[in-house]
Every structure is written in C-alpha cells, then in structure tokens.
Protein backbone atom coordinates (compact mmCIF):
# COMPACT_ATOMS: atom_id res chain seq x y z
CA MET A 1 -4.10 -109.86 68.42
CA SER A 2 -2.42 -108.18 65.49
CA ASP A 3 -4.66 -106.94 62.48
CA ILE A 4 -5.87 -109.83 60.26
CA ASP A 5 -4.46 -109.20 56.59
CA ILE A 6 -7.48 -110.65 54.92
CA THR A 7 -6.06 -109.96 51.42
CA ARG A 8 -3.43 -112.50 52.19
CA LEU A 9 -5.23 -115.07 54.54
CA THR A 10 -5.94 -118.55 53.22
CA LEU A 11 -8.49 -120.80 54.42
CA THR A 12 -5.92 -123.32 55.67
CA ASP A 13 -4.13 -120.55 57.45
CA ALA A 14 -7.29 -119.40 59.05
CA ARG A 15 -8.30 -122.84 60.39
CA ASN A 16 -4.69 -123.08 62.00
CA ALA A 17 -4.92 -119.56 63.46
CA LEU A 18 -8.35 -120.00 64.73
CA ALA A 19 -7.27 -123.64 66.51
CA GLN A 20 -4.08 -121.84 67.86
CA GLY A 21 -6.27 -118.86 69.37
CA ASP A 22 -4.38 -116.13 67.22
CA PHE A 23 -7.89 -114.65 66.60
CA SER A 24 -11.40 -115.48 67.14
CA ALA A 25 -14.19 -116.31 64.59
CA VAL A 26 -15.76 -113.04 65.35
CA GLU A 27 -12.62 -111.12 64.73
CA LEU A 28 -11.99 -112.97 61.54
CA LEU A 29 -15.48 -112.19 60.38
CA TYR A 30 -15.19 -108.45 61.22
CA ALA A 31 -11.91 -108.39 59.10
CA VAL A 32 -13.87 -109.86 56.27
CA TYR A 33 -16.81 -107.40 56.36
CA ARG A 34 -14.34 -104.49 56.63
CA ARG A 35 -12.79 -105.86 53.37
CA ILE A 36 -16.25 -106.10 51.66
CA GLU A 37 -17.22 -102.69 52.73
CA ALA A 38 -14.10 -101.43 51.25
CA THR A 39 -14.29 -103.34 47.84
CA GLU A 40 -17.95 -103.88 47.21
CA PRO A 41 -18.66 -100.36 45.60
CA SER A 42 -16.04 -101.39 42.78
CA ILE A 43 -16.15 -105.23 42.83
CA HIS A 44 -19.95 -106.06 43.32
CA ALA A 45 -19.10 -109.64 44.18
CA PHE A 46 -22.24 -110.05 46.55
CA VAL A 47 -26.03 -110.15 46.03
CA GLU A 48 -26.62 -109.79 49.81
CA ASN A 49 -24.70 -110.01 52.93
CA TYR A 50 -26.11 -111.40 56.29
CA PRO A 51 -24.12 -109.39 58.91
CA ARG A 52 -26.44 -110.11 61.76
CA GLU A 53 -26.78 -113.87 61.08
CA GLY A 54 -22.97 -114.02 60.08
CA LEU A 55 -22.04 -112.48 63.57
CA ALA A 56 -24.43 -114.93 65.44
CA GLN A 57 -22.89 -117.91 63.56
CA ALA A 58 -19.23 -116.62 64.30
CA GLU A 59 -20.21 -116.10 68.03
CA VAL A 60 -21.44 -119.68 68.21
CA ALA A 61 -18.36 -120.84 66.59
CA ASP A 62 -16.01 -119.15 69.15
CA ARG A 63 -18.15 -120.80 71.98
CA ARG A 64 -18.17 -124.17 70.37
CA ARG A 65 -14.38 -123.98 70.20
CA LYS A 66 -13.84 -123.40 73.92
CA VAL A 67 -15.81 -126.50 74.78
CA SER A 68 -15.25 -128.98 71.85
CA PRO A 69 -12.26 -131.31 71.94
CA SER A 70 -12.67 -131.88 68.28
CA PRO A 71 -14.17 -128.94 66.48
CA PRO A 72 -15.42 -129.45 62.97
CA PRO A 73 -13.19 -128.49 60.22
CA LEU A 74 -14.59 -125.18 58.97
CA LEU A 75 -15.52 -123.76 62.36
CA GLY A 76 -15.68 -120.03 62.24
CA ILE A 77 -14.42 -119.99 58.46
CA PRO A 78 -16.41 -117.35 56.32
CA ILE A 79 -17.67 -119.08 53.05
CA GLY A 80 -19.66 -117.33 50.21
CA VAL A 81 -22.50 -119.01 48.44
CA LYS A 82 -23.27 -118.58 44.91
CA ASP A 83 -26.89 -117.36 44.57
CA ILE A 84 -28.33 -120.50 42.94
CA PHE A 85 -27.68 -122.64 46.05
CA ASP A 86 -30.63 -122.59 48.53
CA ILE A 87 -30.08 -121.20 52.18
CA ALA A 88 -32.92 -121.95 54.44
CA GLY A 89 -34.85 -118.63 54.90
CA LYS A 90 -33.19 -116.82 52.25
CA THR A 91 -34.25 -116.32 48.58
CA THR A 92 -32.41 -117.87 45.50
CA LEU A 93 -32.71 -115.27 42.78
CA CYS A 94 -30.18 -116.72 40.30
CA GLY A 95 -29.35 -113.21 38.96
CA SER A 96 -32.77 -113.21 37.16
CA GLU A 97 -35.91 -111.13 37.04
CA LEU A 98 -37.77 -114.50 36.75
CA ARG A 99 -36.97 -114.92 40.44
CA ALA A 100 -38.05 -111.72 41.65
CA GLY A 101 -40.57 -112.14 44.51
CA CYS A 102 -39.81 -115.86 44.85
CA ASP A 103 -40.39 -117.72 48.22
CA VAL A 104 -37.39 -118.12 50.60
CA ALA A 105 -35.94 -121.63 50.66
CA VAL A 106 -37.54 -123.86 53.28
CA ARG A 107 -34.29 -125.92 53.41
CA ASP A 108 -30.59 -125.74 52.88
CA SER A 109 -29.21 -127.26 49.70
CA ASP A 110 -27.12 -130.05 50.45
CA ALA A 111 -23.97 -128.38 49.78
CA VAL A 112 -24.89 -125.69 52.05
CA HIS A 113 -25.91 -128.18 54.71
CA ALA A 114 -22.65 -129.71 54.45
CA LEU A 115 -20.77 -126.44 54.94
CA ARG A 116 -23.02 -125.68 58.04
CA ARG A 117 -22.39 -128.91 59.53
CA ALA A 118 -18.65 -128.45 59.13
CA GLY A 119 -18.96 -125.07 61.14
CA ALA A 120 -18.58 -122.65 58.22
CA VAL A 121 -19.99 -119.01 58.67
CA LEU A 122 -22.45 -118.45 55.69
CA HIS A 123 -22.22 -114.59 55.62
CA GLY A 124 -23.58 -113.78 52.09
CA LYS A 125 -24.94 -114.71 48.51
CA THR A 126 -22.47 -114.03 45.62
CA VAL A 127 -23.25 -112.75 42.12
CA THR A 128 -24.15 -115.31 39.38
CA GLN A 129 -24.61 -114.78 35.66
CA GLU A 130 -28.18 -114.80 34.93
CA LEU A 131 -29.69 -118.25 35.39
CA ALA A 132 -26.02 -119.50 35.74
CA ALA A 133 -25.90 -119.18 31.89
CA GLY A 134 -22.82 -117.32 30.80
CA VAL A 135 -19.34 -116.04 31.63
CA LEU A 136 -19.92 -112.59 32.41
CA SER A 137 -21.49 -112.12 35.76
CA PRO A 138 -22.55 -108.59 35.75
CA PRO A 139 -22.52 -106.57 37.87
CA ALA A 140 -19.35 -108.19 39.37
CA ARG A 141 -16.04 -107.12 38.29
CA ASN A 142 -12.47 -108.50 38.25
CA PRO A 143 -10.42 -107.53 41.39
CA TRP A 144 -7.27 -107.52 39.23
CA ASP A 145 -8.77 -104.85 36.96
CA ILE A 146 -12.26 -103.45 37.69
CA SER A 147 -12.88 -102.85 33.97
CA ARG A 148 -12.76 -106.52 33.17
CA ILE A 149 -15.02 -109.39 33.77
CA PRO A 150 -14.67 -111.85 36.82
CA GLY A 151 -15.65 -114.79 34.47
CA GLY A 152 -18.94 -116.81 34.98
CA SER A 153 -21.27 -118.05 35.89
CA SER A 154 -19.59 -118.22 39.42
CA GLY A 155 -17.97 -114.83 38.82
CA GLY A 156 -19.20 -113.37 42.16
CA SER A 157 -17.67 -116.28 43.97
CA ALA A 158 -14.44 -115.98 42.34
CA ALA A 159 -14.22 -112.32 42.72
CA SER A 160 -15.26 -112.48 46.53
CA VAL A 161 -12.43 -115.13 47.21
CA ALA A 162 -9.92 -113.11 45.16
CA VAL A 163 -10.45 -109.75 46.80
CA GLY A 164 -10.89 -111.26 50.45
CA GLY A 165 -14.73 -111.09 50.81
CA CYS A 166 -14.56 -114.78 52.08
CA LEU A 167 -12.03 -117.40 52.30
CA GLY A 168 -13.76 -119.91 49.99
CA ALA A 169 -16.99 -119.98 48.06
CA LEU A 170 -19.36 -122.50 46.55
CA GLY A 171 -19.58 -122.47 42.61
CA SER A 172 -21.21 -124.72 39.95
CA ASP A 173 -19.86 -125.87 36.67
CA THR A 174 -22.05 -126.74 33.61
CA GLY A 175 -19.68 -125.67 30.71
CA GLY A 176 -16.80 -124.07 32.80
CA SER A 177 -18.54 -122.00 35.40
CA ILE A 178 -16.09 -122.75 38.29
CA ARG A 179 -12.77 -122.95 36.17
CA ILE A 180 -13.28 -119.96 33.95
CA PRO A 181 -13.85 -117.46 36.96
CA ALA A 182 -10.98 -119.18 38.97
CA SER A 183 -8.55 -118.81 35.90
CA VAL A 184 -9.34 -114.90 35.22
CA THR A 185 -9.43 -114.04 38.83
CA GLY A 186 -6.03 -115.89 39.83
CA THR A 187 -8.06 -118.36 42.32
CA VAL A 188 -8.28 -122.06 42.36
CA GLY A 189 -11.54 -123.86 41.04
CA LEU A 190 -12.21 -127.55 41.36
CA LYS A 191 -14.89 -129.26 39.11
CA PRO A 192 -15.25 -132.69 40.79
CA THR A 193 -16.18 -135.76 38.81
CA TYR A 194 -19.60 -135.49 37.50
CA GLY A 195 -22.28 -136.78 39.81
CA ARG A 196 -20.26 -137.32 42.83
CA LEU A 197 -21.52 -134.20 44.73
CA SER A 198 -25.21 -133.58 45.41
CA THR A 199 -26.83 -130.82 43.33
CA ARG A 200 -30.09 -131.07 45.51
CA GLY A 201 -31.12 -127.44 46.40
CA VAL A 202 -29.04 -125.97 43.46
CA PHE A 203 -31.08 -124.23 40.72
CA PRO A 204 -30.49 -126.41 37.63
CA LEU A 205 -29.14 -125.35 34.43
CA SER A 206 -28.51 -128.77 32.77
CA ALA A 207 -29.05 -131.66 34.85
CA SER A 208 -26.73 -134.02 32.70
CA LEU A 209 -23.69 -131.70 33.20
CA ASP A 210 -24.35 -129.45 36.51
CA THR A 211 -21.47 -129.98 38.86
CA VAL A 212 -21.01 -128.39 42.34
CA GLY A 213 -17.58 -127.42 43.64
CA PRO A 214 -15.26 -124.95 45.52
CA ILE A 215 -13.39 -121.83 44.56
CA THR A 216 -10.57 -120.78 46.85
CA ARG A 217 -7.19 -119.32 47.14
CA THR A 218 -5.00 -122.31 47.21
CA VAL A 219 -5.10 -125.86 46.16
CA ALA A 220 -5.05 -127.15 49.63
CA ASP A 221 -8.02 -124.91 50.51
CA ALA A 222 -9.96 -126.36 47.52
CA ALA A 223 -9.15 -130.01 48.82
CA ALA A 224 -10.50 -128.97 52.11
CA LEU A 225 -13.74 -127.62 50.77
CA TYR A 226 -14.18 -130.62 48.29
CA LEU A 227 -13.72 -133.09 51.37
CA VAL A 228 -16.49 -131.36 53.35
CA LEU A 229 -18.74 -131.13 50.40
CA ALA A 230 -18.07 -135.02 49.65
CA GLY A 231 -18.62 -135.91 53.52
CA ARG A 232 -15.13 -136.83 54.08
CA GLU A 233 -13.99 -134.44 56.79
CA ALA A 234 -11.87 -137.08 58.37
CA GLU A 235 -9.42 -136.73 55.67
CA ILE A 236 -8.71 -133.07 55.81
CA ASP A 237 -5.91 -132.89 58.26
CA ALA A 238 -3.84 -135.81 56.47
CA VAL A 239 -4.50 -134.08 52.95
CA GLU A 240 -3.70 -130.74 54.25
CA ARG A 241 -0.41 -131.99 55.68
CA LYS A 242 0.34 -133.43 52.41
CA LEU A 243 -0.26 -130.65 50.37
CA THR A 244 1.39 -127.89 52.60
CA ALA A 245 4.50 -129.89 53.35
CA GLU A 246 7.65 -127.93 52.87
CA GLU A 247 9.89 -130.60 51.58
CA GLU A 248 10.90 -130.41 47.90
CA PRO A 249 8.17 -131.30 45.66
CA SER A 250 8.56 -134.02 43.26
CA LEU A 251 6.43 -135.44 40.50
CA LYS A 252 8.74 -138.28 39.55
CA GLY A 253 6.66 -141.18 38.19
CA ALA A 254 3.81 -139.02 36.97
CA ARG A 255 2.96 -139.08 33.23
CA ILE A 256 1.30 -135.76 32.32
CA GLY A 257 -0.50 -135.45 28.90
CA VAL A 258 -0.06 -132.27 26.81
CA LEU A 259 -2.76 -132.26 24.16
CA THR A 260 -1.96 -130.80 20.74
CA SER A 261 -4.05 -129.49 17.99
CA PHE A 262 -7.42 -128.18 19.66
CA PHE A 263 -6.08 -126.89 22.76
CA ASN A 264 -3.39 -124.87 20.99
CA GLU A 265 -5.65 -123.02 18.56
CA ARG A 266 -6.79 -119.47 18.72
CA ILE A 267 -4.94 -118.74 22.08
CA GLN A 268 -3.49 -115.47 23.40
CA PRO A 269 0.23 -115.50 23.07
CA ASP A 270 0.88 -114.84 26.74
CA VAL A 271 -1.37 -117.68 27.63
CA ALA A 272 0.35 -120.04 25.21
CA ALA A 273 3.73 -118.87 26.64
CA ALA A 274 2.47 -119.46 30.34
CA PHE A 275 1.37 -122.90 29.58
CA GLN A 276 4.75 -123.93 28.06
CA ASP A 277 6.45 -122.55 31.01
CA ALA A 278 4.07 -124.54 33.23
CA ALA A 279 4.91 -127.78 31.16
CA SER A 280 8.58 -127.11 31.47
CA ALA A 281 8.08 -126.66 35.22
CA LEU A 282 6.40 -130.04 35.57
CA ARG A 283 9.35 -131.76 33.64
CA ASP A 284 11.66 -129.89 36.11
CA LEU A 285 9.91 -131.32 38.99
CA GLY A 286 10.21 -134.96 37.62
CA ALA A 287 7.14 -135.62 35.50
CA GLU A 288 7.22 -137.10 32.21
CA VAL A 289 5.49 -134.90 29.90
CA VAL A 290 3.91 -136.66 26.93
CA GLU A 291 2.60 -134.96 23.75
CA CYS A 292 -0.63 -136.61 22.55
CA ASP A 293 -3.63 -135.63 20.52
CA TRP A 294 -7.38 -136.14 21.28
CA PRO A 295 -9.05 -135.42 17.92
CA HIS A 296 -12.61 -135.92 19.58
CA ALA A 297 -12.23 -132.67 21.75
CA PRO A 298 -14.45 -130.50 19.12
CA ALA A 299 -16.98 -133.22 19.42
CA ALA A 300 -16.97 -133.32 23.05
CA ARG A 301 -17.26 -129.53 23.22
CA ALA A 302 -20.25 -129.71 20.70
CA ALA A 303 -22.13 -132.35 22.73
CA ALA A 304 -21.73 -130.54 25.90
CA LEU A 305 -23.13 -127.50 24.20
CA LEU A 306 -26.17 -129.00 22.73
CA ILE A 307 -26.95 -131.05 25.73
CA SER A 308 -26.76 -127.92 27.82
CA ARG A 309 -29.02 -125.84 25.54
CA VAL A 310 -31.60 -128.27 25.17
CA GLU A 311 -31.79 -129.15 29.10
CA SER A 312 -31.71 -125.55 30.04
CA ALA A 313 -34.66 -124.75 27.69
CA ALA A 314 -36.77 -127.49 29.28
CA VAL A 315 -35.99 -126.19 32.79
CA HIS A 316 -37.35 -122.73 31.62
CA ALA A 317 -40.04 -123.85 28.98
CA GLU A 318 -42.84 -122.03 30.87
CA ALA A 319 -40.77 -118.94 31.25
CA ILE A 320 -39.83 -118.83 27.52
CA ARG A 321 -43.61 -119.21 26.57
CA ASP A 322 -45.14 -116.86 29.35
CA THR A 323 -42.66 -114.37 30.42
CA PRO A 324 -39.84 -114.03 27.93
CA ASP A 325 -39.47 -110.49 28.62
CA LEU A 326 -38.10 -111.20 32.08
CA ILE A 327 -35.09 -113.06 30.46
CA GLY A 328 -32.17 -111.16 29.21
CA GLU A 329 -31.50 -110.99 25.68
CA ASP A 330 -28.37 -113.21 25.38
CA VAL A 331 -29.92 -115.96 27.70
CA ARG A 332 -33.18 -115.82 25.94
CA PHE A 333 -31.58 -116.47 22.67
CA ARG A 334 -29.73 -119.32 24.13
CA LEU A 335 -32.84 -120.85 25.54
CA GLU A 336 -34.78 -120.28 22.27
CA ILE A 337 -32.14 -122.25 20.39
CA GLY A 338 -32.52 -125.04 22.99
CA ALA A 339 -36.04 -125.10 22.56
CA MET A 340 -35.92 -125.43 18.91
CA THR A 341 -33.40 -128.32 18.72
CA SER A 342 -35.01 -131.52 18.02
CA GLY A 343 -35.15 -134.70 20.00
CA ILE A 344 -33.15 -136.56 17.52
CA THR A 345 -30.23 -133.96 17.79
CA TYR A 346 -30.36 -134.12 21.50
CA VAL A 347 -30.32 -138.04 21.46
CA ARG A 348 -27.29 -137.81 19.13
CA ALA A 349 -25.59 -135.40 21.43
CA ARG A 350 -26.09 -137.90 24.42
CA GLN A 351 -24.72 -140.55 22.31
CA THR A 352 -21.71 -138.61 21.32
CA ARG A 353 -20.92 -137.89 24.89
CA GLU A 354 -20.67 -141.38 25.54
CA ALA A 355 -18.22 -141.91 22.67
CA VAL A 356 -16.08 -139.18 23.72
CA LYS A 357 -15.98 -140.52 27.28
CA GLN A 358 -14.65 -143.88 25.89
CA SER A 359 -12.18 -141.98 23.50
CA ILE A 360 -10.61 -140.10 26.35
CA ALA A 361 -10.36 -143.07 28.55
CA ALA A 362 -8.65 -144.99 25.67
CA LEU A 363 -6.19 -142.09 25.49
CA TYR A 364 -5.43 -142.31 29.01
CA ARG A 365 -4.84 -145.93 28.76
CA GLU A 366 -2.84 -145.74 25.70
CA HIS A 367 -0.18 -143.21 27.09
CA GLU A 368 -0.59 -144.46 30.70
CA LEU A 369 -1.40 -140.81 31.69
CA THR A 370 -1.68 -139.76 35.31
CA ALA A 371 -3.33 -136.40 34.01
CA ILE A 372 -3.67 -134.15 31.35
CA VAL A 373 -2.73 -130.36 31.55
CA ALA A 374 -4.33 -127.60 29.31
CA PRO A 375 -4.84 -123.92 29.41
CA THR A 376 -7.94 -123.22 31.36
CA THR A 377 -9.07 -120.41 28.96
CA ALA A 378 -7.73 -119.38 25.52
CA ALA A 379 -7.74 -115.65 26.83
CA THR A 380 -7.43 -113.74 30.01
CA ALA A 381 -10.37 -111.52 31.45
CA LEU A 382 -11.98 -109.59 28.85
CA SER A 383 -13.44 -105.96 28.91
CA ALA A 384 -16.79 -105.83 30.62
CA ASP A 385 -17.87 -103.13 28.02
CA ASP A 386 -16.64 -105.10 25.03
CA PRO A 387 -16.42 -108.74 25.94
CA VAL A 388 -15.00 -109.99 22.69
CA VAL A 389 -11.73 -111.60 21.60
CA ARG A 390 -10.33 -110.26 18.25
CA TRP A 391 -7.88 -112.70 16.88
CA THR A 392 -4.86 -111.70 14.59
CA ASP A 393 -6.64 -113.01 11.55
CA GLY A 394 -9.71 -110.59 11.96
CA VAL A 395 -11.88 -113.15 13.59
CA GLU A 396 -13.88 -112.07 16.39
CA GLU A 397 -15.08 -114.46 19.19
CA SER A 398 -17.61 -113.75 21.93
CA ALA A 399 -16.67 -114.01 25.48
CA GLY A 400 -18.90 -117.22 25.67
CA ALA A 401 -17.21 -119.04 22.86
CA ALA A 402 -13.79 -118.09 23.69
CA LEU A 403 -13.70 -118.84 27.44
CA THR A 404 -15.66 -122.01 27.33
CA ARG A 405 -13.65 -123.42 24.23
CA PHE A 406 -11.09 -125.37 26.44
CA THR A 407 -13.36 -126.23 29.38
CA MET A 408 -16.70 -127.49 27.93
CA PRO A 409 -15.05 -130.72 26.55
CA TRP A 410 -14.26 -131.91 30.11
CA ASN A 411 -17.95 -131.29 31.12
CA ALA A 412 -18.95 -133.90 28.31
CA THR A 413 -16.34 -136.25 29.70
CA GLY A 414 -17.43 -135.69 33.31
CA GLN A 415 -13.71 -135.91 34.62
CA PRO A 416 -12.46 -133.80 37.53
CA VAL A 417 -10.57 -130.77 36.69
CA ILE A 418 -8.59 -128.07 38.90
CA SER A 419 -7.49 -124.86 37.59
CA ALA A 420 -4.75 -123.23 39.30
CA PRO A 421 -3.02 -119.99 38.55
CA CYS A 422 0.23 -120.36 36.46
CA GLY A 423 1.20 -116.71 35.49
CA PHE A 424 0.13 -113.31 34.18
CA ASP A 425 -0.22 -111.69 30.83
CA GLU A 426 1.52 -108.49 29.75
CA ASP A 427 -1.57 -106.54 31.37
CA GLY A 428 -1.01 -108.25 34.66
CA LEU A 429 -4.01 -110.39 34.43
CA PRO A 430 -4.12 -113.97 35.74
CA ILE A 431 -3.67 -117.22 33.60
CA GLY A 432 -5.04 -120.57 34.67
CA LEU A 433 -3.60 -123.79 34.13
CA SER A 434 -6.07 -126.88 34.14
CA PHE A 435 -5.11 -130.42 35.47
CA VAL A 436 -7.56 -133.00 34.07
CA GLY A 437 -7.78 -136.37 35.93
CA ARG A 438 -9.46 -139.67 35.95
CA PRO A 439 -12.66 -140.17 37.49
CA ASP A 440 -12.86 -139.75 41.35
CA GLU A 441 -9.04 -138.71 41.54
CA GLU A 442 -9.87 -135.37 42.89
CA LEU A 443 -7.14 -135.62 45.57
CA GLU A 444 -4.41 -136.94 43.08
CA LEU A 445 -5.23 -133.94 40.99
CA CYS A 446 -4.84 -131.52 44.03
CA ASN A 447 -1.43 -133.01 44.76
CA LEU A 448 -0.39 -132.34 41.05
CA ALA A 449 -1.66 -128.91 40.98
C-alpha cells in the first residue's frame, strides 16, 4: 500500500479504495490521526478525539468487509461529529461552560445512529460556537489562513474536513451554520429541507429552524452523507455514478434564478466577481440564467432572526436567570434580547415566515425556476482577532451580521441549499456559491452544484 494522501482524499474516493482493497479502514484511520496530530496545534478543529474507540471501530469495519457481500456504504469511513450531537457514552458540551460536568449521553442522536448503522468510524467531536449560536467557532481556525475564522457555528466540522481530519462531518444550520463554514473553508455544505432529517439528540438552538446536514469535500460526498442521514442508503451508488460521471456536464433545460437587489448589496468585490463568473459558467453549461427580484428577502431574514432569538432564549431561560455568568457575553446578549421580545412580535415573525415561504414559491412558479443561485456569504473568512467587515462607505458590520445576511432568509423559507466553492479572493481565501432549490429536491441541487 502506498501512503494515503489524506489532504486530497474524498469520501467517495475512500469508499471505492476500501472496496477495492487499496487500503484498510485501520490504515485510513491512522492516516487521519497523523493529519490531526500535525494540524490540531494550529487548527483546533476537535474538542476531543477517541483514538481507542476509533481504532476498535476501524478493526471491526475491516473484519466486516471480509465477510459481508454487501457492506454498508460508509464502512470504515472516518466522520467528525459536531459537539451538539449526542454520542452514547460521551458528553455533549456545546462549547459552553453551562454544560461542564454534564452527564454522558445515554444514546446516540438519530443522525449519529444513522452514521453508525452505515458503518462510519466516529473518531471525534468537532468544535462548535458556544451553544451553536454564532459564526466564529473559537478556538478553531481556518486551514487556509490560521489567523482567520472557520465560520460557524459548525466551524470545527468544516475545518476538520478541509484539513483532512475526517472525510465528512455532521453540522447543523439554524441561520447559516453549515453553509457559512463551508463557504469560508472551501468545503461543501448541504442544508436539507427543514424538518426532513431528525434532530432528536441534537442540542437545540431554535426548533423551528434547526436543520441537520453534512459538510464534505465534494458534492458527491455530501449527497452520500445526506442519503445516509435520510435512511436512503440504497440510492447512494446510483447517485454517486451520476455525480462523478466523466461525460461533459450539461445544464440544458435548467432555469437558474439570479436575484437582484438584496443579494448584491454590501458584498466584497472579489465575491461579487466570483459570483458573476459562476453565473457565466452556468450559462456556458447550457442553463438559462434568469434575473429576478425577491423583495421579501429582508423580511425573511428578519423573521428568521427574531424566531431564532426568541426560541433560543426559551431553551436557555433557566440559565439566563440563574447562571448568566457561565454564558459568553455575545451569546448572553443575544439570549437576553430574545427573552425581552414580546409574544406578539414572535407571532408576527412566525406569520411573516409563512408569508415569505409563499412569496418565494410564487417566484419559482412565475419564472419556472429550477433553482436560485446566490453568494453564500457577502465576505470571505474574517480575522479571528478583528471579526468585522469594514465597507468602503465607512459602515462596519459584525461577522454575525455580515456572514448570515445571505444565508438566514433560506432558513425562514426552509428550502434546501447547498454551498459549493466557486473561487478565491485576492488573499487566496475560498468563496462559496449557494444553490437554492425547491423543497425535497436535495439531489437535484447536488446535480446542479
């Protein structure tokens, strides 16, 4: 066996190599651990690794492969787990002092159970922003530039995938927490249709918005993990063949919407240029690119923001009252704002959410859209020491506001969204492109991406 280049290996490549006997699950895991050992001092993507348990799982995977005529689809594949998902026998700390000393989980979350059933090697918990509420994810850093943030709140998951600490990872998305880290780390993040994947055993932030999904290196990898989480493993091989086929790609017949106004405002020039290049590439592949406006995008963002704030305050009401000193200042302020928001305002936000869902559905019908494309974020990875965007007109925008501005509207509508890399800025930092689909069309989105 030649050395495994874990910096380039994809989940799909590893699945095929394991099936062909190019290397064993144990050898693959050792390559991952060597990479983690080399990078963790600067990247800090993991809260905790489980080398003994991981090795035991890899050994079992190798034995199963020898005797099973139809091994499960992720057999022997190392997968990271964001530290808001329960793993039986492990603590779920959520990046918060509030959870220090908590009991270990008595059962796997449904997402972890799905991965385990599919044969994945669950070798560590990845860093999350405190209580999954934010976009910085300290102490994790961005592998493209360790002075920069990896996004959040699933920043550790994205950083670990980007650097080779796992071949895929679980994330969650309430206001952009899968897509933002994917965008700024050059990985792929899929937010499925709201409510389609179980959140049981996932520490809540906002139940009306929380969505489970994968972060991976390629679109094919994201599709495979999504199908596992959805209990649709039987479809993986056919989908993989379609997404990795070598024939010339074509988007003939697809109508792709490009939104004006809101998604073009306050955007870094390099991000805007990469987006225009991506739209041109879609045209070159045969898609019909349709300019259209969705004037309710700001209302969708506002509705998601208010719903998230109020529901997260309800989750942590006891902590706000009894142990506020155990909550970081930024998150505590966010929770306090939510606690002070009136019930009338919350109900109106819920009503607004229903209205914007209807308005975006009408836009798709009016223009006969296959999907919409938009920049994932208005800016690339920000400085960890100074996470602020300074616009040319002198306005300063916090990381939380700048990075969720283009993602949060889609949490309000609940549509599936996949963010894939589409270029780099002048500093060599990745830029993400979002494909926004109709409900339950995750695989169609993957095909476009």
